[in-house]
Protein backbone atom coordinates (compact mmCIF):
# COMPACT_ATOMS: atom_id res chain seq x y z
CA MET A 1 14.88 22.99 14.59
CA ALA A 2 16.29 23.12 11.70
CA ASP A 3 15.96 26.97 9.87
CA PRO A 4 13.74 29.05 11.99
CA LYS A 5 13.11 29.96 8.13
CA GLY A 6 12.58 28.05 5.51
CA PHE A 7 9.03 27.70 5.83
CA LEU A 8 9.45 31.61 4.95
CA THR A 9 11.83 31.89 3.03
CA THR A 10 11.69 28.47 0.97
CA GLY A 11 8.56 27.53 -1.62
CA ARG A 12 7.82 23.09 -2.32
CA GLU A 13 9.80 22.15 -4.39
CA VAL A 14 9.32 17.93 -5.03
CA ALA A 15 10.82 15.14 -6.92
CA GLU A 16 10.79 16.12 -10.89
CA THR A 17 9.03 13.20 -13.25
CA ARG A 18 10.53 12.04 -16.33
CA PRO A 19 8.93 12.99 -19.07
CA VAL A 20 6.15 11.15 -20.24
CA GLY A 21 6.83 10.34 -23.73
CA GLU A 22 10.16 8.70 -22.03
CA ARG A 23 9.21 6.82 -19.11
CA VAL A 24 6.06 5.25 -20.65
CA LYS A 25 7.87 3.28 -23.12
CA ASP A 26 9.37 1.78 -19.76
CA TRP A 27 9.05 0.84 -16.25
CA ASN A 28 11.70 2.13 -14.25
CA GLU A 29 10.65 3.83 -11.50
CA VAL A 30 8.95 7.55 -12.75
CA TYR A 31 11.12 10.17 -11.21
CA VAL A 32 14.11 11.32 -12.49
CA PRO A 33 17.29 9.76 -10.83
CA GLY A 34 19.25 12.19 -8.04
CA SER A 35 16.86 14.65 -8.49
CA LEU A 36 15.84 15.21 -5.25
CA LEU A 37 19.39 15.39 -3.15
CA PRO A 38 20.16 18.57 -4.60
CA ILE A 39 17.07 20.10 -3.23
CA ILE A 40 15.99 18.04 -0.25
CA SER A 41 18.22 20.05 1.89
CA LYS A 42 16.03 22.94 1.91
CA GLN A 43 12.98 21.30 1.49
CA ALA A 44 13.32 19.80 5.15
CA GLY A 45 14.25 23.49 6.67
CA ARG A 46 10.94 24.51 5.66
CA CYS A 47 9.77 21.71 9.11
CA MET A 48 8.86 24.37 11.88
CA ASP A 49 9.36 21.52 14.33
CA CYS A 50 5.56 22.91 16.13
CA GLY A 51 5.37 22.84 19.63
CA ILE A 52 2.92 19.57 19.12
CA PRO A 53 3.81 17.98 15.73
CA PHE A 54 0.45 17.32 14.04
CA CYS A 55 2.84 14.97 11.90
CA HIS A 56 2.81 12.48 14.57
CA ASN A 57 -0.62 12.35 14.65
CA GLY A 58 -1.43 11.53 10.34
CA CYS A 59 0.73 8.77 10.71
CA PRO A 60 -0.14 5.71 12.46
CA LEU A 61 4.00 5.09 12.24
CA GLY A 62 4.43 8.05 15.27
CA ASN A 63 7.22 8.73 12.69
CA LEU A 64 9.94 11.80 14.57
CA ILE A 65 9.30 13.49 11.28
CA PRO A 66 10.62 17.12 12.51
CA GLU A 67 13.81 15.04 14.64
CA TRP A 68 14.91 13.24 10.73
CA ASN A 69 14.08 16.18 8.79
CA ASP A 70 16.26 18.48 11.31
CA TYR A 71 18.76 16.18 10.11
CA ALA A 72 18.08 15.82 6.79
CA TYR A 73 18.54 20.07 6.82
CA ARG A 74 21.95 18.88 8.55
CA GLU A 75 23.19 16.66 5.64
CA ASP A 76 23.70 14.37 9.10
CA TRP A 77 21.83 11.31 6.43
CA SER A 78 23.27 8.67 8.92
CA ALA A 79 21.33 10.53 11.82
CA ALA A 80 18.26 10.39 9.51
CA SER A 81 18.30 7.23 8.89
CA GLU A 82 18.42 6.27 12.60
CA ARG A 83 15.81 8.01 13.62
CA LEU A 84 13.62 7.58 10.57
CA HIS A 85 14.78 3.45 11.00
CA ALA A 86 13.03 4.23 14.95
CA THR A 87 9.80 3.85 13.89
CA ASN A 88 9.71 2.57 10.71
CA ASN A 89 11.00 -0.92 8.90
CA PHE A 90 10.70 -0.02 5.80
CA PRO A 91 10.75 3.37 4.52
CA GLU A 92 11.80 2.90 1.02
CA PHE A 93 8.56 1.35 0.99
CA THR A 94 6.34 3.88 2.49
CA GLY A 95 8.56 6.09 0.67
CA ARG A 96 6.90 5.55 -2.61
CA LEU A 97 3.83 4.05 -2.32
CA CYS A 98 2.18 6.06 0.56
CA PRO A 99 -0.38 8.83 -0.06
CA ALA A 100 1.12 10.61 2.71
CA PRO A 101 -0.92 11.23 5.43
CA CYS A 102 1.45 13.14 6.81
CA GLU A 103 1.34 16.16 4.67
CA SER A 104 -1.85 16.26 5.14
CA ALA A 105 -1.71 16.76 8.54
CA CYS A 106 1.22 19.21 8.63
CA VAL A 107 1.08 22.89 10.73
CA LEU A 108 2.48 24.30 7.82
CA GLY A 109 -0.46 22.73 5.70
CA ILE A 110 -2.60 25.83 7.39
CA ASN A 111 -2.43 28.41 5.42
CA GLN A 112 0.60 27.02 3.10
CA PRO A 113 1.82 24.11 1.08
CA ALA A 114 2.97 21.42 3.86
CA VAL A 115 6.57 20.08 4.05
CA THR A 116 7.87 17.11 1.20
CA ILE A 117 8.26 14.81 4.40
CA LYS A 118 7.36 12.08 1.78
CA ASN A 119 10.27 13.01 -0.57
CA VAL A 120 12.94 13.75 2.48
CA GLU A 121 11.90 10.37 4.11
CA VAL A 122 13.01 8.18 0.31
CA SER A 123 15.48 10.95 0.00
CA ILE A 124 16.86 9.20 3.34
CA ILE A 125 16.05 5.74 3.11
CA ASP A 126 18.07 5.31 -0.29
CA LYS A 127 20.95 7.79 1.39
CA ALA A 128 21.34 5.56 3.90
CA TRP A 129 21.53 2.13 1.05
CA ASP A 130 23.98 3.58 -1.02
CA SER A 131 26.00 4.82 2.02
CA GLY A 132 25.67 1.23 3.99
CA ASP A 133 24.31 2.93 6.84
CA VAL A 134 21.40 -0.11 6.30
CA THR A 135 22.74 -3.35 8.14
CA PRO A 136 21.09 -6.79 9.25
CA GLN A 137 20.70 -6.32 12.34
CA PRO A 138 20.37 -9.64 13.94
CA PRO A 139 19.63 -10.47 17.98
CA GLU A 140 22.95 -11.55 20.23
CA ARG A 141 20.91 -14.45 21.73
CA LEU A 142 18.00 -16.31 20.46
CA SER A 143 14.87 -17.10 22.87
CA GLY A 144 14.37 -20.93 21.31
CA LYS A 145 11.26 -19.64 19.72
CA THR A 146 9.25 -20.23 17.12
CA VAL A 147 6.70 -18.04 15.18
CA ALA A 148 4.93 -18.61 11.47
CA VAL A 149 3.90 -15.92 9.72
CA ILE A 150 1.37 -16.11 6.88
CA GLY A 151 1.71 -14.13 3.93
CA SER A 152 4.86 -11.46 3.35
CA GLY A 153 3.09 -8.15 2.76
CA PRO A 154 3.91 -4.56 4.89
CA ALA A 155 2.35 -6.48 8.23
CA GLY A 156 3.66 -9.97 8.08
CA LEU A 157 7.33 -8.05 6.82
CA ALA A 158 7.56 -5.71 10.19
CA ALA A 159 6.29 -8.31 12.35
CA ALA A 160 8.45 -10.91 11.02
CA GLN A 161 11.47 -8.66 11.50
CA GLN A 162 10.64 -6.98 14.85
CA LEU A 163 9.64 -10.67 16.08
CA THR A 164 13.00 -12.32 14.72
CA ARG A 165 15.06 -8.84 16.36
CA ALA A 166 13.54 -10.01 20.25
CA GLY A 167 15.43 -13.30 19.35
CA HIS A 168 12.19 -15.59 18.14
CA THR A 169 12.59 -18.28 14.79
CA VAL A 170 10.41 -16.50 12.71
CA ALA A 171 9.36 -18.30 9.49
CA VAL A 172 6.86 -16.39 6.77
CA TYR A 173 4.90 -18.12 4.55
CA GLU A 174 3.80 -17.02 1.20
CA ARG A 175 1.55 -18.46 -0.93
CA ALA A 176 3.28 -16.78 -4.27
CA ASP A 177 6.24 -17.40 -5.74
CA ARG A 178 7.87 -14.56 -4.88
CA ILE A 179 8.35 -12.44 -1.06
CA GLY A 180 6.37 -9.42 -1.18
CA GLY A 181 2.16 -9.65 -1.27
CA LEU A 182 0.88 -6.81 -2.67
CA LEU A 183 4.37 -5.09 -2.77
CA ARG A 184 5.57 -7.29 -5.53
CA TYR A 185 2.84 -8.66 -7.63
CA GLY A 186 -0.13 -5.17 -6.81
CA ILE A 187 2.37 -2.56 -6.73
CA PRO A 188 3.03 -1.65 -10.66
CA GLU A 189 7.22 -1.72 -10.82
CA PHE A 190 7.00 2.45 -11.96
CA LYS A 191 5.74 3.23 -8.62
CA MET A 192 8.64 1.26 -7.08
CA GLU A 193 11.17 -1.01 -8.83
CA LYS A 194 11.42 -4.77 -6.93
CA SER A 195 14.68 -4.56 -6.17
CA HIS A 196 14.02 -2.82 -3.59
CA ILE A 197 11.94 -5.73 -2.22
CA ASN A 198 14.89 -7.62 -3.19
CA ARG A 199 17.45 -5.89 -0.57
CA ARG A 200 14.93 -5.73 2.71
CA ILE A 201 14.65 -9.64 2.21
CA GLU A 202 18.08 -10.06 1.79
CA GLN A 203 18.58 -8.31 4.86
CA MET A 204 16.40 -10.00 7.18
CA ARG A 205 17.60 -12.73 5.59
CA ALA A 206 20.97 -11.79 7.34
CA GLU A 207 19.17 -11.35 10.03
CA GLY A 208 17.69 -14.89 10.09
CA THR A 209 14.27 -15.00 8.99
CA LYS A 210 13.17 -17.80 6.90
CA PHE A 211 11.05 -17.83 4.31
CA ARG A 212 8.91 -20.53 2.31
CA THR A 213 7.14 -19.30 -0.93
CA GLU A 214 4.87 -21.05 -2.46
CA THR A 215 2.62 -22.78 0.22
CA GLU A 216 -0.67 -21.81 0.55
CA ILE A 217 -1.87 -22.30 4.20
CA GLY A 218 -5.70 -23.83 4.83
CA ARG A 219 -4.21 -25.63 0.75
CA ASP A 220 -0.92 -26.50 0.77
CA VAL A 221 -0.40 -26.49 4.77
CA ASP A 222 -3.30 -27.24 7.06
CA ALA A 223 -3.96 -24.59 9.57
CA ALA A 224 -3.78 -26.89 12.14
CA ARG A 225 -0.99 -28.29 12.12
CA LEU A 226 1.29 -24.89 11.06
CA ARG A 227 -0.44 -24.13 14.83
CA ARG A 228 1.35 -27.26 16.51
CA ARG A 229 4.59 -26.82 14.80
CA TYR A 230 5.05 -23.09 16.17
CA ASP A 231 4.50 -21.50 19.83
CA ALA A 232 2.88 -18.57 18.23
CA VAL A 233 1.55 -18.04 13.94
CA VAL A 234 0.53 -14.04 12.60
CA ILE A 235 -2.46 -13.99 10.48
CA ALA A 236 -0.51 -10.78 7.77
CA ALA A 237 -3.16 -12.56 4.50
CA GLY A 238 -4.52 -9.64 3.86
CA ALA A 239 -7.48 -8.72 2.50
CA THR A 240 -7.46 -10.10 -1.09
CA VAL A 241 -10.96 -10.66 -2.28
CA SER A 242 -12.20 -7.66 -4.57
CA ARG A 243 -15.40 -6.36 -4.77
CA ASP A 244 -16.87 -7.64 -7.55
CA LEU A 245 -19.64 -5.74 -10.30
CA PRO A 246 -23.20 -7.67 -10.72
CA VAL A 247 -23.89 -6.61 -13.84
CA PRO A 248 -25.08 -8.40 -16.75
CA GLY A 249 -21.94 -8.96 -19.04
CA ARG A 250 -19.86 -9.51 -15.91
CA GLU A 251 -18.65 -12.85 -17.16
CA LEU A 252 -17.59 -11.60 -21.24
CA ASN A 253 -14.00 -12.57 -21.63
CA GLY A 254 -12.19 -8.93 -21.08
CA VAL A 255 -12.86 -8.21 -17.53
CA HIS A 256 -11.19 -9.13 -15.31
CA PHE A 257 -10.13 -8.44 -11.73
CA ALA A 258 -6.97 -5.61 -11.03
CA MET A 259 -5.90 -8.34 -9.49
CA GLU A 260 -5.63 -9.82 -12.08
CA TYR A 261 -4.19 -7.98 -14.76
CA LEU A 262 -0.95 -6.32 -12.51
CA PRO A 263 0.62 -9.43 -11.43
CA LEU A 264 0.51 -10.38 -14.69
CA ALA A 265 2.46 -7.24 -15.62
CA ASN A 266 5.04 -7.80 -12.89
CA LYS A 267 5.49 -11.38 -14.11
CA VAL A 268 6.26 -9.93 -17.51
CA GLN A 269 8.56 -7.33 -15.79
CA GLU A 270 10.33 -10.32 -13.56
CA GLY A 271 11.38 -12.47 -16.78
CA ASP A 272 8.24 -15.66 -16.40
CA LEU A 273 6.39 -14.38 -18.93
CA THR A 274 7.18 -12.62 -23.19
CA VAL A 275 4.00 -11.15 -22.94
CA SER A 276 1.22 -11.23 -20.24
CA PRO A 277 -2.07 -12.67 -21.08
CA ILE A 278 -4.13 -9.86 -20.46
CA THR A 279 -2.72 -7.27 -22.40
CA ALA A 280 -3.34 -3.80 -23.37
CA GLU A 281 -1.91 -3.17 -26.17
CA GLY A 282 -4.24 -2.14 -29.24
CA LYS A 283 -6.92 -2.24 -27.04
CA HIS A 284 -9.58 0.60 -25.63
CA VAL A 285 -9.41 0.23 -21.64
CA VAL A 286 -11.54 0.60 -19.11
CA VAL A 287 -10.43 1.24 -14.99
CA ILE A 288 -13.74 1.01 -12.99
CA GLY A 289 -12.54 2.38 -10.01
CA GLY A 290 -10.36 5.94 -9.20
CA GLY A 291 -8.58 5.00 -6.54
CA ASP A 292 -4.51 4.16 -5.93
CA THR A 293 -5.55 0.58 -7.78
CA GLY A 294 -6.93 1.91 -10.72
CA ALA A 295 -4.51 4.91 -11.51
CA ASP A 296 -1.95 1.67 -11.24
CA CYS A 297 -3.99 -0.65 -14.53
CA VAL A 298 -4.08 3.16 -15.70
CA GLY A 299 -0.27 3.61 -15.93
CA THR A 300 0.45 -0.24 -17.27
CA ALA A 301 -2.23 -0.11 -19.39
CA HIS A 302 -0.20 2.90 -21.28
CA ARG A 303 3.00 0.85 -20.72
CA GLN A 304 1.15 -1.68 -22.47
CA GLY A 305 0.26 0.26 -25.52
CA ALA A 306 -3.36 0.91 -25.09
CA LEU A 307 -5.49 2.89 -27.75
CA SER A 308 -7.49 4.97 -25.20
CA VAL A 309 -7.69 4.48 -20.79
CA THR A 310 -10.90 5.76 -19.41
CA GLN A 311 -11.13 5.48 -15.96
CA LEU A 312 -14.10 5.61 -14.43
CA GLU A 313 -15.69 6.69 -11.21
CA ILE A 314 -19.47 6.26 -9.73
CA MET A 315 -18.63 8.90 -6.61
CA PRO A 316 -18.39 12.91 -7.80
CA ARG A 317 -15.25 14.58 -8.80
CA PRO A 318 -13.26 15.70 -5.80
CA GLY A 319 -12.15 19.31 -5.23
CA GLU A 320 -8.80 20.56 -5.27
CA ASP A 321 -8.85 22.46 -1.85
CA ARG A 322 -10.64 21.12 1.67
CA ASN A 323 -13.90 21.32 1.84
CA ALA A 324 -15.14 22.96 5.24
CA ASN A 325 -16.03 19.68 6.54
CA GLN A 326 -12.45 17.92 6.09
CA PRO A 327 -10.50 20.75 8.22
CA TRP A 328 -7.10 20.54 8.94
CA PRO A 329 -5.16 18.02 10.12
CA THR A 330 -7.87 15.23 9.06
CA PHE A 331 -6.78 13.93 5.44
CA PRO A 332 -8.44 15.41 2.59
CA MET A 333 -10.32 13.95 -0.14
CA LEU A 334 -8.54 15.58 -3.22
CA TYR A 335 -8.31 15.11 -6.61
CA LYS A 336 -5.45 13.89 -7.01
CA VAL A 337 -3.14 13.99 -10.54
CA THR A 338 -1.24 11.18 -10.45
CA SER A 339 1.90 10.31 -12.36
CA ALA A 340 -0.14 7.28 -14.63
CA HIS A 341 -2.75 10.48 -15.07
CA GLU A 342 -0.24 12.82 -16.26
CA GLU A 343 0.33 10.11 -19.07
CA GLY A 344 -2.68 10.37 -20.67
CA GLY A 345 -6.74 8.74 -20.29
CA GLU A 346 -10.09 9.79 -19.61
CA ARG A 347 -11.42 10.58 -16.06
CA VAL A 348 -15.01 10.35 -15.91
CA TYR A 349 -17.11 11.05 -12.55
CA SER A 350 -20.15 10.80 -10.76
CA VAL A 351 -20.94 7.16 -13.24
CA SER A 352 -22.29 3.54 -12.91
CA THR A 353 -21.98 0.35 -15.45
CA THR A 354 -25.22 -0.96 -16.08
CA HIS A 355 -24.28 -3.72 -18.07
CA PHE A 356 -20.73 -5.28 -20.42
CA GLU A 357 -21.58 -5.67 -24.45
CA GLY A 358 -20.14 -8.64 -26.11
CA ASP A 359 -19.39 -9.73 -29.85
CA ASP A 360 -20.27 -13.11 -31.10
CA ASP A 361 -17.88 -14.61 -29.69
CA GLY A 362 -17.88 -13.46 -26.17
CA ASN A 363 -15.49 -10.99 -25.56
CA VAL A 364 -15.99 -7.92 -23.78
CA GLN A 365 -17.07 -5.12 -26.86
CA ALA A 366 -18.83 -2.60 -24.78
CA LEU A 367 -19.48 -0.54 -21.69
CA HIS A 368 -23.02 0.58 -20.75
CA LEU A 369 -22.96 3.79 -18.47
CA VAL A 370 -25.39 6.03 -16.80
CA GLU A 371 -25.00 9.32 -14.94
CA VAL A 372 -26.12 9.24 -11.61
CA GLU A 373 -26.38 11.53 -8.79
CA PHE A 374 -26.76 11.83 -4.35
CA LYS A 375 -30.53 12.85 -3.62
CA ASP A 376 -31.40 12.38 0.43
CA GLY A 377 -28.06 10.67 0.55
CA LYS A 378 -28.42 8.03 -1.87
CA LEU A 379 -27.52 7.72 -5.82
CA GLU A 380 -29.95 8.05 -8.23
CA GLN A 381 -29.51 7.60 -11.97
CA LYS A 382 -30.17 10.69 -13.88
CA PRO A 383 -32.51 9.80 -16.89
CA GLY A 384 -31.47 9.99 -20.07
CA THR A 385 -27.88 10.08 -19.64
CA GLU A 386 -27.34 6.29 -20.99
CA ARG A 387 -24.57 6.26 -23.32
CA LYS A 388 -21.72 3.45 -24.34
CA ILE A 389 -18.20 3.98 -24.69
CA PRO A 390 -15.96 0.76 -26.32
CA ALA A 391 -14.20 -1.59 -24.34
CA GLN A 392 -12.41 -4.23 -25.21
CA LEU A 393 -10.16 -4.87 -21.05
CA VAL A 394 -12.00 -4.14 -18.64
CA THR A 395 -10.27 -3.80 -15.42
CA LEU A 396 -12.11 -3.71 -11.96
CA ALA A 397 -10.97 -1.44 -9.42
CA MET A 398 -13.49 -1.12 -6.40
CA GLY A 399 -11.22 -2.08 -3.53
CA PHE A 400 -11.00 -5.22 -1.67
CA THR A 401 -14.40 -6.98 0.72
CA GLY A 402 -12.30 -9.05 3.55
CA THR A 403 -9.98 -11.40 2.91
CA ASP A 404 -9.65 -14.66 1.57
CA GLN A 405 -11.90 -18.11 3.26
CA ALA A 406 -12.11 -19.94 -0.05
CA ASN A 407 -8.32 -21.50 0.97
CA GLY A 408 -9.67 -22.61 4.11
CA LEU A 409 -7.25 -20.84 6.72
CA VAL A 410 -10.50 -19.20 8.95
CA GLN A 411 -12.21 -22.49 9.26
CA GLN A 412 -9.20 -24.80 9.99
CA PHE A 413 -7.26 -22.16 12.47
CA GLY A 414 -11.53 -21.70 13.90
CA LEU A 415 -11.17 -18.17 13.92
CA GLU A 416 -13.82 -15.50 14.55
CA LEU A 417 -15.16 -13.18 12.70
CA ASP A 418 -15.56 -9.21 13.66
CA GLU A 419 -18.94 -7.45 11.37
CA ARG A 420 -17.56 -6.65 8.97
CA GLY A 421 -15.93 -10.19 8.08
CA ASN A 422 -12.21 -9.08 8.93
CA VAL A 423 -10.37 -11.53 11.38
CA ALA A 424 -11.65 -10.40 15.18
CA ARG A 425 -8.70 -9.95 17.64
CA ASP A 426 -8.36 -8.28 20.73
CA ALA A 427 -6.58 -5.69 22.44
CA ASP A 428 -2.62 -7.59 21.79
CA TYR A 429 -4.02 -8.03 18.55
CA ALA A 430 -4.65 -11.88 19.68
CA THR A 431 -7.68 -13.69 17.45
CA ASN A 432 -9.98 -16.60 20.29
CA VAL A 433 -6.98 -18.96 18.93
CA ASP A 434 -4.19 -19.75 21.47
CA GLY A 435 -1.37 -18.54 19.96
CA VAL A 436 -2.92 -16.92 16.26
CA PHE A 437 -2.83 -13.48 16.35
CA VAL A 438 -3.45 -10.94 13.57
CA ALA A 439 -1.72 -7.69 12.00
CA GLY A 440 -2.31 -5.68 8.31
CA ASP A 441 -6.09 -6.06 6.42
CA ALA A 442 -6.71 -9.61 7.00
CA GLY A 443 -7.85 -8.07 10.58
CA ARG A 444 -8.31 -4.21 10.08
CA GLY A 445 -9.42 -3.55 6.63
CA GLN A 446 -8.59 -2.82 3.47
CA SER A 447 -6.11 0.24 4.50
CA LEU A 448 -2.95 1.77 3.55
CA ILE A 449 0.41 0.50 3.71
CA VAL A 450 1.58 2.65 6.24
CA TRP A 451 -1.52 1.25 8.46
CA ALA A 452 0.08 -2.21 7.16
CA ILE A 453 3.32 -1.63 8.66
CA ALA A 454 2.20 -0.38 12.33
CA GLU A 455 -0.30 -3.04 12.06
CA GLY A 456 3.24 -5.46 11.83
CA ARG A 457 4.71 -3.73 14.66
CA SER A 458 2.25 -3.45 17.39
CA ALA A 459 1.18 -7.41 16.27
CA ALA A 460 4.78 -8.59 17.53
CA ARG A 461 4.80 -7.05 20.67
CA GLY A 462 1.47 -9.03 21.31
CA VAL A 463 3.32 -12.14 20.27
CA ASP A 464 6.23 -11.41 21.76
CA ARG A 465 4.39 -11.19 25.47
CA PHE A 466 2.83 -14.48 24.24
CA LEU A 467 5.82 -16.14 24.23
CA THR A 468 7.84 -14.59 27.24
CA GLY A 469 5.67 -12.31 29.32
CA ALA A 470 6.49 -9.44 28.82
CA SER A 471 8.04 -7.29 25.97
CA ALA A 472 10.23 -3.78 25.23
CA LEU A 473 9.39 -3.94 22.00
CA PRO A 474 7.20 -0.77 20.72
CA ALA A 475 3.40 -1.01 19.60
CA PRO A 476 2.78 1.95 17.71
CA ILE A 477 -1.50 1.39 17.17
CA ARG A 478 -3.90 -0.48 18.95
CA PRO A 479 -6.03 -2.48 17.26
CA THR A 480 -9.28 -0.28 16.92
CA ASP A 481 -7.42 2.81 16.17
CA ARG A 482 -8.50 4.58 12.98
CA SER A 483 -7.24 7.23 10.62
CA LEU A 484 -7.65 11.09 11.37
CA THR A 485 -11.12 11.81 9.68
CA VAL A 486 -14.30 13.75 10.07
């Protein structure tokens, strides 16, 4: 146990953010560099080393949280990094992007603020990179087997790294011009600077993983042909079909999916564009969707110089404390104020968009909405609550409905889908096509980054066993496992 009295004597402290007026003028991460290290050892000492650490139940990766908390408390950063990497290929990603269901399941969180597990995690991995503790781990021998991984998001990268280290020759295919999937082009720079992806990719290259960008399986390469070229294939193409809003005026200029808007802003930061073709500068911006992607749109609009930003959510505003029907250790629906929300804008709950209004040139100018409420388990409009708000740029951030079928990948492989439109798989993550496996959102549906990495690691075990007859790779979750909820 780290500090036997730590949870009694030390209060919760989190990473310090830069002043709003400063950070909205650039695209760097919002946190003050180096602000965690002076406080993080004491924060790790708040871990109670519970007899049953429920943080393990909250995290699908099965992270050894009490162990690396203890090492961080003792400032044994090398040992902490080893324990961290034992279950997580990319803690620098999860430490920045994960909503931390582990903290919701923290035993201390029953009656006190939970341990800052996420901050401890990112401190350990940042220290490990700075100290040179993160090094390539190439296999001792090659198996002679080849694997193609389709998609370079967290699930695809995790599967690729595990299989490469097992001795297989792995090639990752990515349809974009850079590796990273939504980590690269869906997550704004202010949430995670892309240098973190770049150095991890270089580690994987040194281990032997091959990367093929600007190659879309189904369009550029026939999927059936790809299967014949490799001994196994892992589909980790994500759930990239955005949920649409079929209301009058949807066709107006200025109404875009979030995943049309956000990647262009990242392209500017990569140096590919001088100015984004879709910009919030000088415009009234409306973001439809109250989740993390919506918050990313809010923060991006602030940095582009929006006149105003309004975020709409059809559900009621959550409370700031756990509801009785969301008891510990489940992941509660709470009112969250992200760094983007700290920067300004208005959040409107319990409203539904009825239609968009445009000008004579076909550009969106206003959004009409109405208040809604639940009645008998159904959402109904409240008469007399209709109003309109200015909207010259609208982003739709309402989630995703499944993997892309328009590119031909599903049809060319001959894959079966489940009742939700995801690629069906068995207990080993294998599809109905011999030698073809699926991991991440393509099989699970829209989920969290920790579930994607856990799926990639688990699918790698299934592939390894298929290729060699047995596997020592870990499989932290089953395809049927779900988040700890009520």
